[in-house]
Every structure is written in C-alpha cells, then in structure tokens.
Amino acid sequence: MPNFPVIFLMGPTASGKTDTALALADHFPCHLISCDSALIYRDMDIGTAKPDRATLERYPHALVDILSPMARYSAEQFRQDARAEIELARAAGKMPVIVGGTFLYMKALIEGISPIPPVKDDVRAELLQRHQTEGIEPLYAQLSLLDPESAARLAPADTQRILRALEVVLSTGQTLNHFWQLPPKEALPYPYLKFALTYQDIARANARMALRFEQMMALGFVDEVVHLREKYPELNGDYPSQRAVGYRQIWDYLDGLMTKEDAIERAIIATRQYAKRQRTWLRSETELLPVNVETLNFHQTIIQRIEAALLP
C-alpha cells in the first residue's frame, strides 16, 4: 500500500482548486477534505460556490455542511477535524487531499497552533451587542487601551479581528500576541506536498470572478440569503458565516442600504480584493510547488509530481 503524503491544493479564489481535486480523485484513491471557512456552513451553497449535490455524492468532501450558519469555527477546530480526517484516510489507504482557500487553517494544520483558551460566551455576546448598538469605533478604542499591539496591527474597520482580539484579552487577561509567542502544539507529523495554483493574467482572472458572481446571482443568490434570514431569525451580518465574500453585500441590499447593482459591484470588488490577499499570502509561503493553471495539462503536472514522491 503506498504511503501517500498529505496533499495541499492552495490557490486564489476561482483558480480551479475544486476541479483539480476532482482530477486527483479520478487518478488516486483520495480522501478529499475541504479547507474553506464558508463551505463548512449548511444552507450556504450558491454564494460559497459549493460543489453541487451530484458532485459531492460522486466525490465526497469532508468538512462541508458540518455547521449551522449560527455557529462559530476556528483554525484550532479545523486542525482537530482535519487531523481526524487524515487519520481516517491513512487507515483506509487513501491519499488525504486538503483543498481550499482558507490558508490560515492550512497553516494551523501544518505547523500547529498556539494554545488560546476558549473565550467566554458572555464576553462574546456582550461585544456583539455593543457592536450592533455602538459600532466598531468605541470597540477599537477599547482595544487600543487593552491591547495596543493588536490595535496597531489592525485596520480600524476590521470588525472581525478587532472583536476577536478584544474577546481574547477580556476573557483571559492576556493579549493575542502573548499566546502567539507560546510554542505551537501538534504540528502535522506526516510528509506533505503543497501545490499552489497560480495564474499570470490577473485581468482575465478578475473577469472570471465577475462572471462567476453574476452566475451566482442568476442561480438565486439573493433568494438564498432571504432564506437564511427567514430560517435563522437571530442571524445577522456580524456572524462569521455572513462575513463570507458576497453575503455581506447582499445583506446590505436586502436591508435597503444599497441597490442591487451596487451590491453586485461591491461584491465583485470584494472578491478581487480577497483574491489579491490570497496571492499575497502565497508569496510568503515556503515549500510551495507553484502550478500555472494557464498551461495545458496542468493537472497532469500535479499528478506526475505526486507519483514521483511515491517512488521508493
């Protein structure tokens, strides 16, 4: 039985990661593991570009549709869940393939993660309520007093990270940087290959992202968000699930804060900005095997590289 490495398929949004994973599954006995902070949520299919039901039946993906949109998820939870899936794959003689664009989760899985204690539920609830009533400015000011290092690192409008830094320091009495400097725990104990799907033609990729979002709208993205709001009455834009690219803009449209045309335009811009951040992250990665998706037969390039790694 081959001793398969763990395969990581990385790449910016709309770079073809899912199609590449399916190509690997057609060639190797694969155990596909999604690494996407939006695909974990149920009832969020169109806006997350989740593979359709027929695809998921033929090519099962672990860690898809595992949580309610009301739930929260962390890099540490992903590390634990993905490690369990990797062990299942190895026990079955299959190759674990981690595919997705949430690179922080991949980093936590490979390197381990600093042990941050769980935050207190009442602290989190109070911060969310304050954000709803006061906005982010006073919370950022409080963070500047309690954890000036995090405040200096974050943009004043970075709601998610400001709330995270505040809930940690208010729950534990220690700053995020304190925990980050502690030794990480449980790095991945198995060999791995990290492939990055890259492209040179940014303009063409941006056009592809715009087309994909317009297709989402045609498929009923607005109706999907309407359904979310009806099914989960307590859900709002502050929940991590609704901070996924596109959802925030559709929420604002439904709340009458912008026109549908403005929501589409802003969602496309947000998608491009997200892809740019992903490309920036990939440039800082080590041990990366870049694969140009603009070349013919790039799937075969990846297959051959994996086969070479399996040679004695």
C-alpha atoms as a PDB file:
ATOM      1  CA  MET A   1       0.000   0.000   0.000  1.00  0.00           C
ATOM      2  CA  PRO A   2       1.519   3.389  -0.982  1.00  0.00           C
ATOM      3  CA  ASN A   3       2.489   5.698   1.848  1.00  0.00           C
ATOM      4  CA  PHE A   4       0.680   8.737   0.488  1.00  0.00           C
ATOM      5  CA  PRO A   5       1.765  12.231   1.503  1.00  0.00           C
ATOM      6  CA  VAL A   6      -0.841  14.750   2.576  1.00  0.00           C
ATOM      7  CA  ILE A   7      -1.651  16.926  -0.436  1.00  0.00           C
ATOM      8  CA  PHE A   8      -2.489  20.613  -0.060  1.00  0.00           C
ATOM      9  CA  LEU A   9      -4.200  22.315  -3.003  1.00  0.00           C
ATOM     10  CA  MET A  10      -3.917  26.054  -2.481  1.00  0.00           C
ATOM     11  CA  GLY A  11      -4.766  28.943  -4.758  1.00  0.00           C
ATOM     12  CA  PRO A  12      -6.725  32.189  -5.011  1.00  0.00           C
ATOM     13  CA  THR A  13     -10.470  32.133  -5.429  1.00  0.00           C
ATOM     14  CA  ALA A  14     -11.666  30.934  -8.850  1.00  0.00           C
ATOM     15  CA  SER A  15      -8.297  29.336  -9.665  1.00  0.00           C
ATOM     16  CA  GLY A  16      -9.723  25.850 -10.199  1.00  0.00           C
ATOM     17  CA  LYS A  17      -8.937  24.168  -6.886  1.00  0.00           C
ATOM     18  CA  THR A  18     -12.090  22.053  -6.806  1.00  0.00           C
ATOM     19  CA  ASP A  19     -11.689  20.830 -10.400  1.00  0.00           C
ATOM     20  CA  THR A  20      -8.077  19.942  -9.627  1.00  0.00           C
ATOM     21  CA  ALA A  21      -9.115  17.959  -6.554  1.00  0.00           C
ATOM     22  CA  LEU A  22     -11.627  16.023  -8.649  1.00  0.00           C
ATOM     23  CA  ALA A  23      -8.934  15.280 -11.232  1.00  0.00           C
ATOM     24  CA  LEU A  24      -6.717  13.860  -8.483  1.00  0.00           C
ATOM     25  CA  ALA A  25      -9.628  11.783  -7.183  1.00  0.00           C
ATOM     26  CA  ASP A  26     -10.045  10.291 -10.662  1.00  0.00           C
ATOM     27  CA  HIS A  27      -6.398   9.185 -10.626  1.00  0.00           C
ATOM     28  CA  PHE A  28      -5.619   8.311  -6.993  1.00  0.00           C
ATOM     29  CA  PRO A  29      -7.668   6.828  -4.129  1.00  0.00           C
ATOM     30  CA  CYS A  30      -8.338  10.189  -2.475  1.00  0.00           C
ATOM     31  CA  HIS A  31      -9.977  11.372   0.713  1.00  0.00           C
ATOM     32  CA  LEU A  32     -10.984  14.964  -0.074  1.00  0.00           C
ATOM     33  CA  ILE A  33     -11.003  17.383   2.860  1.00  0.00           C
ATOM     34  CA  SER A  34     -12.384  20.877   2.364  1.00  0.00           C
ATOM     35  CA  CYS A  35     -10.429  23.759   3.867  1.00  0.00           C
ATOM     36  CA  ASP A  36     -12.862  26.620   3.449  1.00  0.00           C
ATOM     37  CA  SER A  37     -14.285  28.763   6.230  1.00  0.00           C
ATOM     38  CA  ALA A  38     -17.564  29.202   4.302  1.00  0.00           C
ATOM     39  CA  LEU A  39     -18.173  25.696   2.929  1.00  0.00           C
ATOM     40  CA  ILE A  40     -18.471  24.378   6.480  1.00  0.00           C
ATOM     41  CA  TYR A  41     -21.907  26.020   6.744  1.00  0.00           C
ATOM     42  CA  ARG A  42     -25.208  24.452   5.759  1.00  0.00           C
ATOM     43  CA  ASP A  43     -27.771  26.377   3.686  1.00  0.00           C
ATOM     44  CA  MET A  44     -24.993  28.427   2.067  1.00  0.00           C
ATOM     45  CA  ASP A  45     -24.487  26.832  -1.321  1.00  0.00           C
ATOM     46  CA  ILE A  46     -24.703  29.412  -4.095  1.00  0.00           C
ATOM     47  CA  GLY A  47     -22.705  32.247  -2.560  1.00  0.00           C
ATOM     48  CA  THR A  48     -19.901  29.929  -1.473  1.00  0.00           C
ATOM     49  CA  ALA A  49     -19.594  28.219  -4.879  1.00  0.00           C
ATOM     50  CA  LYS A  50     -20.107  24.931  -3.049  1.00  0.00           C
ATOM     51  CA  PRO A  51     -19.855  21.865  -5.325  1.00  0.00           C
ATOM     52  CA  ASP A  52     -23.343  20.727  -6.279  1.00  0.00           C
ATOM     53  CA  ARG A  53     -25.047  17.711  -4.736  1.00  0.00           C
ATOM     54  CA  ALA A  54     -24.238  15.389  -7.642  1.00  0.00           C
ATOM     55  CA  THR A  55     -20.545  16.293  -7.405  1.00  0.00           C
ATOM     56  CA  LEU A  56     -20.462  15.797  -3.639  1.00  0.00           C
ATOM     57  CA  GLU A  57     -22.177  12.425  -3.986  1.00  0.00           C
ATOM     58  CA  ARG A  58     -19.611  11.261  -6.527  1.00  0.00           C
ATOM     59  CA  TYR A  59     -16.656  12.976  -4.837  1.00  0.00           C
ATOM     60  CA  PRO A  60     -17.417  13.233  -1.111  1.00  0.00           C
ATOM     61  CA  HIS A  61     -15.732  16.137   0.669  1.00  0.00           C
ATOM     62  CA  ALA A  62     -15.156  16.025   4.413  1.00  0.00           C
ATOM     63  CA  LEU A  63     -15.842  19.211   6.410  1.00  0.00           C
ATOM     64  CA  VAL A  64     -18.567  20.509   4.087  1.00  0.00           C
ATOM     65  CA  ASP A  65     -22.024  21.305   5.524  1.00  0.00           C
ATOM     66  CA  ILE A  66     -20.983  20.471   9.073  1.00  0.00           C
ATOM     67  CA  LEU A  67     -22.318  23.542  10.920  1.00  0.00           C
ATOM     68  CA  SER A  68     -25.298  25.850  11.185  1.00  0.00           C
ATOM     69  CA  PRO A  69     -24.645  29.412   9.940  1.00  0.00           C
ATOM     70  CA  MET A  70     -25.176  30.461  13.566  1.00  0.00           C
ATOM     71  CA  ALA A  71     -22.084  28.529  14.673  1.00  0.00           C
ATOM     72  CA  ARG A  72     -18.524  29.716  15.001  1.00  0.00           C
ATOM     73  CA  TYR A  73     -15.443  27.845  13.871  1.00  0.00           C
ATOM     74  CA  SER A  74     -11.740  28.382  14.419  1.00  0.00           C
ATOM     75  CA  ALA A  75      -8.396  27.390  12.996  1.00  0.00           C
ATOM     76  CA  GLU A  76      -7.868  25.137  16.015  1.00  0.00           C
ATOM     77  CA  GLN A  77     -11.192  23.383  15.422  1.00  0.00           C
ATOM     78  CA  PHE A  78     -10.234  22.873  11.799  1.00  0.00           C
ATOM     79  CA  ARG A  79      -6.846  21.490  12.832  1.00  0.00           C
ATOM     80  CA  GLN A  80      -8.510  18.915  15.056  1.00  0.00           C
ATOM     81  CA  ASP A  81     -11.177  17.986  12.497  1.00  0.00           C
ATOM     82  CA  ALA A  82      -8.714  17.747   9.618  1.00  0.00           C
ATOM     83  CA  ARG A  83      -6.300  15.620  11.660  1.00  0.00           C
ATOM     84  CA  ALA A  84      -9.137  13.186  12.364  1.00  0.00           C
ATOM     85  CA  GLU A  85      -9.975  13.028   8.646  1.00  0.00           C
ATOM     86  CA  ILE A  86      -6.321  12.461   7.745  1.00  0.00           C
ATOM     87  CA  GLU A  87      -6.191   9.535  10.165  1.00  0.00           C
ATOM     88  CA  LEU A  88      -9.322   8.072   8.532  1.00  0.00           C
ATOM     89  CA  ALA A  89      -7.725   8.444   5.109  1.00  0.00           C
ATOM     90  CA  ARG A  90      -4.497   6.759   6.157  1.00  0.00           C
ATOM     91  CA  ALA A  91      -6.362   3.897   7.817  1.00  0.00           C
ATOM     92  CA  ALA A  92      -8.271   3.345   4.558  1.00  0.00           C
ATOM     93  CA  GLY A  93      -5.139   3.511   2.407  1.00  0.00           C
ATOM     94  CA  LYS A  94      -6.244   6.750   0.753  1.00  0.00           C
ATOM     95  CA  MET A  95      -4.418   9.972  -0.036  1.00  0.00           C
ATOM     96  CA  PRO A  96      -5.581  12.950   2.054  1.00  0.00           C
ATOM     97  CA  VAL A  97      -6.181  15.990  -0.166  1.00  0.00           C
ATOM     98  CA  ILE A  98      -6.733  19.294   1.640  1.00  0.00           C
ATOM     99  CA  VAL A  99      -8.373  21.678  -0.823  1.00  0.00           C
ATOM    100  CA  GLY A 100      -9.479  25.241  -0.268  1.00  0.00           C
ATOM    101  CA  GLY A 101      -8.586  28.876   0.102  1.00  0.00           C
ATOM    102  CA  THR A 102      -8.552  29.389   3.882  1.00  0.00           C
ATOM    103  CA  PHE A 103      -4.789  29.366   4.199  1.00  0.00           C
ATOM    104  CA  LEU A 104      -4.757  30.202   7.910  1.00  0.00           C
ATOM    105  CA  TYR A 105      -6.449  26.858   8.548  1.00  0.00           C
ATOM    106  CA  MET A 106      -3.819  25.066   6.462  1.00  0.00           C
ATOM    107  CA  LYS A 107      -1.047  26.833   8.358  1.00  0.00           C
ATOM    108  CA  ALA A 108      -2.565  25.716  11.662  1.00  0.00           C
ATOM    109  CA  LEU A 109      -2.771  22.124  10.427  1.00  0.00           C
ATOM    110  CA  ILE A 110       0.820  22.027   9.181  1.00  0.00           C
ATOM    111  CA  GLU A 111       2.601  23.989  11.899  1.00  0.00           C
ATOM    112  CA  GLY A 112       0.298  23.545  14.872  1.00  0.00           C
ATOM    113  CA  ILE A 113      -1.293  26.480  16.635  1.00  0.00           C
ATOM    114  CA  SER A 114      -0.641  28.498  19.759  1.00  0.00           C
ATOM    115  CA  PRO A 115      -2.932  27.344  22.576  1.00  0.00           C
ATOM    116  CA  ILE A 116      -5.513  30.118  23.107  1.00  0.00           C
ATOM    117  CA  PRO A 117      -8.052  29.245  25.818  1.00  0.00           C
ATOM    118  CA  PRO A 118     -11.740  29.312  24.854  1.00  0.00           C
ATOM    119  CA  VAL A 119     -13.313  32.748  25.151  1.00  0.00           C
ATOM    120  CA  LYS A 120     -16.262  33.304  27.465  1.00  0.00           C
ATOM    121  CA  ASP A 121     -19.676  33.174  25.800  1.00  0.00           C
ATOM    122  CA  ASP A 122     -20.973  36.136  27.790  1.00  0.00           C
ATOM    123  CA  VAL A 123     -17.989  38.257  26.748  1.00  0.00           C
ATOM    124  CA  ARG A 124     -18.547  37.438  23.083  1.00  0.00           C
ATOM    125  CA  ALA A 125     -22.284  38.121  23.327  1.00  0.00           C
ATOM    126  CA  GLU A 126     -21.715  41.479  25.011  1.00  0.00           C
ATOM    127  CA  LEU A 127     -19.183  42.557  22.369  1.00  0.00           C
ATOM    128  CA  LEU A 128     -21.540  41.605  19.548  1.00  0.00           C
ATOM    129  CA  GLN A 129     -24.358  43.539  21.198  1.00  0.00           C
ATOM    130  CA  ARG A 130     -22.134  46.588  21.648  1.00  0.00           C
ATOM    131  CA  HIS A 131     -21.069  46.404  18.021  1.00  0.00           C
ATOM    132  CA  GLN A 132     -24.719  46.360  16.983  1.00  0.00           C
ATOM    133  CA  THR A 133     -25.596  49.402  19.079  1.00  0.00           C
ATOM    134  CA  GLU A 134     -22.366  51.442  19.173  1.00  0.00           C
ATOM    135  CA  GLY A 135     -20.487  50.484  16.026  1.00  0.00           C
ATOM    136  CA  ILE A 136     -16.849  49.428  15.792  1.00  0.00           C
ATOM    137  CA  GLU A 137     -15.161  52.746  16.730  1.00  0.00           C
ATOM    138  CA  PRO A 138     -15.529  52.541  20.542  1.00  0.00           C
ATOM    139  CA  LEU A 139     -14.525  48.874  20.475  1.00  0.00           C
ATOM    140  CA  TYR A 140     -11.385  49.734  18.531  1.00  0.00           C
ATOM    141  CA  ALA A 141     -10.641  52.471  21.078  1.00  0.00           C
ATOM    142  CA  GLN A 142     -11.015  49.940  23.906  1.00  0.00           C
ATOM    143  CA  LEU A 143      -8.692  47.530  22.115  1.00  0.00           C
ATOM    144  CA  SER A 144      -6.122  50.321  21.775  1.00  0.00           C
ATOM    145  CA  LEU A 145      -6.089  50.602  25.571  1.00  0.00           C
ATOM    146  CA  LEU A 146      -6.117  46.887  26.416  1.00  0.00           C
ATOM    147  CA  ASP A 147      -4.004  45.506  23.563  1.00  0.00           C
ATOM    148  CA  PRO A 148      -2.243  48.360  21.734  1.00  0.00           C
ATOM    149  CA  GLU A 149      -0.091  45.932  19.756  1.00  0.00           C
ATOM    150  CA  SER A 150      -3.127  44.288  18.146  1.00  0.00           C
ATOM    151  CA  ALA A 151      -4.803  47.660  17.612  1.00  0.00           C
ATOM    152  CA  ALA A 152      -1.735  48.964  15.782  1.00  0.00           C
ATOM    153  CA  ARG A 153      -1.698  45.868  13.580  1.00  0.00           C
ATOM    154  CA  LEU A 154      -5.386  46.037  12.629  1.00  0.00           C
ATOM    155  CA  ALA A 155      -7.295  48.444  10.428  1.00  0.00           C
ATOM    156  CA  PRO A 156      -9.878  50.448  12.433  1.00  0.00           C
ATOM    157  CA  ALA A 157     -12.670  48.927  10.323  1.00  0.00           C
ATOM    158  CA  ASP A 158     -11.511  45.289  10.600  1.00  0.00           C
ATOM    159  CA  THR A 159     -14.523  44.264  12.658  1.00  0.00           C
ATOM    160  CA  GLN A 160     -13.871  40.519  12.815  1.00  0.00           C
ATOM    161  CA  ARG A 161     -10.280  40.767  14.037  1.00  0.00           C
ATOM    162  CA  ILE A 162     -10.972  43.643  16.425  1.00  0.00           C
ATOM    163  CA  LEU A 163     -13.743  41.637  18.092  1.00  0.00           C
ATOM    164  CA  ARG A 164     -11.501  38.568  18.215  1.00  0.00           C
ATOM    165  CA  ALA A 165      -8.621  40.428  19.864  1.00  0.00           C
ATOM    166  CA  LEU A 166     -10.983  42.043  22.366  1.00  0.00           C
ATOM    167  CA  GLU A 167     -12.767  38.831  23.314  1.00  0.00           C
ATOM    168  CA  VAL A 168      -9.411  37.143  23.972  1.00  0.00           C
ATOM    169  CA  VAL A 169      -7.997  39.876  26.199  1.00  0.00           C
ATOM    170  CA  LEU A 170     -11.295  40.338  28.073  1.00  0.00           C
ATOM    171  CA  SER A 171     -11.722  36.574  28.601  1.00  0.00           C
ATOM    172  CA  THR A 172      -8.138  35.659  29.505  1.00  0.00           C
ATOM    173  CA  GLY A 173      -6.441  38.839  30.672  1.00  0.00           C
ATOM    174  CA  GLN A 174      -3.723  38.192  28.078  1.00  0.00           C
ATOM    175  CA  THR A 175      -3.215  39.620  24.603  1.00  0.00           C
ATOM    176  CA  LEU A 176      -3.280  37.628  21.394  1.00  0.00           C
ATOM    177  CA  ASN A 177       0.441  38.227  20.948  1.00  0.00           C
ATOM    178  CA  HIS A 178       1.093  36.589  24.317  1.00  0.00           C
ATOM    179  CA  PHE A 179      -0.483  33.362  23.087  1.00  0.00           C
ATOM    180  CA  TRP A 180       1.107  33.578  19.638  1.00  0.00           C
ATOM    181  CA  GLN A 181       4.545  33.597  21.269  1.00  0.00           C
ATOM    182  CA  LEU A 182       3.853  30.340  23.097  1.00  0.00           C
ATOM    183  CA  PRO A 183       5.176  27.156  21.438  1.00  0.00           C
ATOM    184  CA  PRO A 184       2.634  25.839  18.903  1.00  0.00           C
ATOM    185  CA  LYS A 185       1.189  22.411  19.538  1.00  0.00           C
ATOM    186  CA  GLU A 186       0.911  19.307  17.393  1.00  0.00           C
ATOM    187  CA  ALA A 187       2.451  20.054  14.026  1.00  0.00           C
ATOM    188  CA  LEU A 188       1.445  17.702  11.198  1.00  0.00           C
ATOM    189  CA  PRO A 189       3.504  14.505  11.686  1.00  0.00           C
ATOM    190  CA  TYR A 190       3.238  13.281   8.081  1.00  0.00           C
ATOM    191  CA  PRO A 191       5.043  14.242   4.864  1.00  0.00           C
ATOM    192  CA  TYR A 192       3.134  16.640   2.655  1.00  0.00           C
ATOM    193  CA  LEU A 193       3.205  18.438  -0.680  1.00  0.00           C
ATOM    194  CA  LYS A 194       1.833  21.962  -1.056  1.00  0.00           C
ATOM    195  CA  PHE A 195       0.662  22.909  -4.544  1.00  0.00           C
ATOM    196  CA  ALA A 196      -0.278  26.490  -5.377  1.00  0.00           C
ATOM    197  CA  LEU A 197      -2.492  27.058  -8.397  1.00  0.00           C
ATOM    198  CA  THR A 198      -1.266  30.307  -9.929  1.00  0.00           C
ATOM    199  CA  TYR A 199      -2.008  32.472 -12.941  1.00  0.00           C
ATOM    200  CA  GLN A 200      -0.235  35.372 -14.635  1.00  0.00           C
ATOM    201  CA  ASP A 201      -3.176  37.076 -16.340  1.00  0.00           C
ATOM    202  CA  ILE A 202      -4.772  38.941 -13.424  1.00  0.00           C
ATOM    203  CA  ALA A 203      -7.217  40.808 -15.663  1.00  0.00           C
ATOM    204  CA  ARG A 204      -8.541  37.557 -17.088  1.00  0.00           C
ATOM    205  CA  ALA A 205      -8.866  36.078 -13.602  1.00  0.00           C
ATOM    206  CA  ASN A 206     -10.746  39.169 -12.419  1.00  0.00           C
ATOM    207  CA  ALA A 207     -13.134  38.846 -15.352  1.00  0.00           C
ATOM    208  CA  ARG A 208     -13.687  35.201 -14.419  1.00  0.00           C
ATOM    209  CA  MET A 209     -14.518  36.216 -10.838  1.00  0.00           C
ATOM    210  CA  ALA A 210     -17.024  38.800 -12.062  1.00  0.00           C
ATOM    211  CA  LEU A 211     -18.676  36.268 -14.349  1.00  0.00           C
ATOM    212  CA  ARG A 212     -18.852  33.723 -11.540  1.00  0.00           C
ATOM    213  CA  PHE A 213     -20.586  36.188  -9.231  1.00  0.00           C
ATOM    214  CA  GLU A 214     -23.071  37.165 -11.924  1.00  0.00           C
ATOM    215  CA  GLN A 215     -23.808  33.462 -12.395  1.00  0.00           C
ATOM    216  CA  MET A 216     -24.400  33.149  -8.643  1.00  0.00           C
ATOM    217  CA  MET A 217     -26.935  35.946  -8.855  1.00  0.00           C
ATOM    218  CA  ALA A 218     -28.669  34.210 -11.757  1.00  0.00           C
ATOM    219  CA  LEU A 219     -28.797  30.975  -9.749  1.00  0.00           C
ATOM    220  CA  GLY A 220     -30.673  32.698  -6.923  1.00  0.00           C
ATOM    221  CA  PHE A 221     -28.071  34.054  -4.511  1.00  0.00           C
ATOM    222  CA  VAL A 222     -30.448  36.742  -3.231  1.00  0.00           C
ATOM    223  CA  ASP A 223     -33.130  34.131  -2.545  1.00  0.00           C
ATOM    224  CA  GLU A 224     -30.551  32.051  -0.677  1.00  0.00           C
ATOM    225  CA  VAL A 225     -29.801  34.940   1.686  1.00  0.00           C
ATOM    226  CA  VAL A 226     -33.525  35.656   2.102  1.00  0.00           C
ATOM    227  CA  HIS A 227     -33.988  32.001   3.088  1.00  0.00           C
ATOM    228  CA  LEU A 228     -31.121  32.259   5.594  1.00  0.00           C
ATOM    229  CA  ARG A 229     -32.707  35.283   7.235  1.00  0.00           C
ATOM    230  CA  GLU A 230     -36.058  33.508   7.483  1.00  0.00           C
ATOM    231  CA  LYS A 231     -34.702  30.176   8.722  1.00  0.00           C
ATOM    232  CA  TYR A 232     -32.300  31.731  11.248  1.00  0.00           C
ATOM    233  CA  PRO A 233     -34.089  34.851  12.600  1.00  0.00           C
ATOM    234  CA  GLU A 234     -31.261  35.673  15.023  1.00  0.00           C
ATOM    235  CA  LEU A 235     -28.627  35.570  12.286  1.00  0.00           C
ATOM    236  CA  ASN A 236     -27.080  38.910  11.343  1.00  0.00           C
ATOM    237  CA  GLY A 237     -24.126  40.278   9.451  1.00  0.00           C
ATOM    238  CA  ASP A 238     -21.816  40.049  12.471  1.00  0.00           C
ATOM    239  CA  TYR A 239     -21.789  36.250  12.412  1.00  0.00           C
ATOM    240  CA  PRO A 240     -18.660  34.804  10.765  1.00  0.00           C
ATOM    241  CA  SER A 241     -20.740  32.856   8.250  1.00  0.00           C
ATOM    242  CA  GLN A 242     -22.230  36.090   6.904  1.00  0.00           C
ATOM    243  CA  ARG A 243     -18.863  37.784   6.544  1.00  0.00           C
ATOM    244  CA  ALA A 244     -18.095  35.499   3.617  1.00  0.00           C
ATOM    245  CA  VAL A 245     -17.487  37.495   0.443  1.00  0.00           C
ATOM    246  CA  GLY A 246     -20.788  38.388  -1.219  1.00  0.00           C
ATOM    247  CA  TYR A 247     -23.075  37.675   1.725  1.00  0.00           C
ATOM    248  CA  ARG A 248     -22.357  40.962   3.496  1.00  0.00           C
ATOM    249  CA  GLN A 249     -23.205  42.911   0.332  1.00  0.00           C
ATOM    250  CA  ILE A 250     -26.460  41.010  -0.246  1.00  0.00           C
ATOM    251  CA  TRP A 251     -27.430  41.630   3.396  1.00  0.00           C
ATOM    252  CA  ASP A 252     -26.905  45.358   2.867  1.00  0.00           C
ATOM    253  CA  TYR A 253     -29.019  45.253  -0.294  1.00  0.00           C
ATOM    254  CA  LEU A 254     -31.844  43.439   1.496  1.00  0.00           C
ATOM    255  CA  ASP A 255     -31.621  45.949   4.355  1.00  0.00           C
ATOM    256  CA  GLY A 256     -32.089  48.795   1.860  1.00  0.00           C
ATOM    257  CA  LEU A 257     -28.583  50.169   2.356  1.00  0.00           C
ATOM    258  CA  MET A 258     -27.671  49.904  -1.329  1.00  0.00           C
ATOM    259  CA  THR A 259     -29.154  48.979  -4.677  1.00  0.00           C
ATOM    260  CA  LYS A 260     -28.823  45.514  -6.138  1.00  0.00           C
ATOM    261  CA  GLU A 261     -26.447  46.895  -8.781  1.00  0.00           C
ATOM    262  CA  ASP A 262     -24.235  48.446  -6.091  1.00  0.00           C
ATOM    263  CA  ALA A 263     -24.287  45.197  -4.110  1.00  0.00           C
ATOM    264  CA  ILE A 264     -23.136  43.238  -7.163  1.00  0.00           C
ATOM    265  CA  GLU A 265     -20.383  45.741  -7.924  1.00  0.00           C
ATOM    266  CA  ARG A 266     -19.130  45.815  -4.335  1.00  0.00           C
ATOM    267  CA  ALA A 267     -19.231  42.027  -4.043  1.00  0.00           C
ATOM    268  CA  ILE A 268     -17.142  41.666  -7.201  1.00  0.00           C
ATOM    269  CA  ILE A 269     -14.650  44.221  -5.879  1.00  0.00           C
ATOM    270  CA  ALA A 270     -14.514  42.384  -2.539  1.00  0.00           C
ATOM    271  CA  THR A 271     -13.877  39.111  -4.375  1.00  0.00           C
ATOM    272  CA  ARG A 272     -10.961  40.645  -6.274  1.00  0.00           C
ATOM    273  CA  GLN A 273      -9.535  42.091  -3.070  1.00  0.00           C
ATOM    274  CA  TYR A 274      -9.828  38.706  -1.378  1.00  0.00           C
ATOM    275  CA  ALA A 275      -8.016  37.017  -4.267  1.00  0.00           C
ATOM    276  CA  LYS A 276      -5.275  39.642  -4.035  1.00  0.00           C
ATOM    277  CA  ARG A 277      -4.815  38.920  -0.323  1.00  0.00           C
ATOM    278  CA  GLN A 278      -4.625  35.214  -1.127  1.00  0.00           C
ATOM    279  CA  ARG A 279      -1.947  35.835  -3.759  1.00  0.00           C
ATOM    280  CA  THR A 280      -0.004  37.920  -1.242  1.00  0.00           C
ATOM    281  CA  TRP A 281      -0.215  35.106   1.319  1.00  0.00           C
ATOM    282  CA  LEU A 282       1.022  32.547  -1.198  1.00  0.00           C
ATOM    283  CA  ARG A 283       4.087  34.665  -1.979  1.00  0.00           C
ATOM    284  CA  SER A 284       5.106  34.332   1.676  1.00  0.00           C
ATOM    285  CA  GLU A 285       4.636  30.541   1.786  1.00  0.00           C
ATOM    286  CA  THR A 286       7.591  28.165   1.940  1.00  0.00           C
ATOM    287  CA  GLU A 287       7.904  24.671   0.435  1.00  0.00           C
ATOM    288  CA  LEU A 288       5.369  25.675  -2.200  1.00  0.00           C
ATOM    289  CA  LEU A 289       5.108  23.946  -5.577  1.00  0.00           C
ATOM    290  CA  PRO A 290       3.580  26.509  -7.987  1.00  0.00           C
ATOM    291  CA  VAL A 291       1.487  25.238 -10.888  1.00  0.00           C
ATOM    292  CA  ASN A 292       0.394  27.632 -13.636  1.00  0.00           C
ATOM    293  CA  VAL A 293      -3.258  26.918 -14.397  1.00  0.00           C
ATOM    294  CA  GLU A 294      -2.909  28.745 -17.715  1.00  0.00           C
ATOM    295  CA  THR A 295      -0.748  25.940 -19.101  1.00  0.00           C
ATOM    296  CA  LEU A 296      -2.147  22.879 -20.830  1.00  0.00           C
ATOM    297  CA  ASN A 297      -2.463  19.679 -18.801  1.00  0.00           C
ATOM    298  CA  PHE A 298      -1.528  21.341 -15.514  1.00  0.00           C
ATOM    299  CA  HIS A 299      -3.484  18.627 -13.679  1.00  0.00           C
ATOM    300  CA  GLN A 300      -1.076  16.101 -15.156  1.00  0.00           C
ATOM    301  CA  THR A 301       1.852  18.123 -13.823  1.00  0.00           C
ATOM    302  CA  ILE A 302       0.498  17.723 -10.297  1.00  0.00           C
ATOM    303  CA  ILE A 303      -0.224  14.021 -10.787  1.00  0.00           C
ATOM    304  CA  GLN A 304       3.318  13.392 -12.025  1.00  0.00           C
ATOM    305  CA  ARG A 305       4.814  15.272  -9.074  1.00  0.00           C
ATOM    306  CA  ILE A 306       2.800  13.156  -6.634  1.00  0.00           C
ATOM    307  CA  GLU A 307       3.760   9.951  -8.430  1.00  0.00           C
ATOM    308  CA  ALA A 308       7.419  10.967  -8.180  1.00  0.00           C
ATOM    309  CA  ALA A 309       7.019  11.423  -4.430  1.00  0.00           C
ATOM    310  CA  LEU A 310       5.665   7.869  -4.163  1.00  0.00           C
ATOM    311  CA  LEU A 311       8.735   6.309  -5.757  1.00  0.00           C
ATOM    312  CA  PRO A 312      10.953   4.381  -3.338  1.00  0.00           C
END
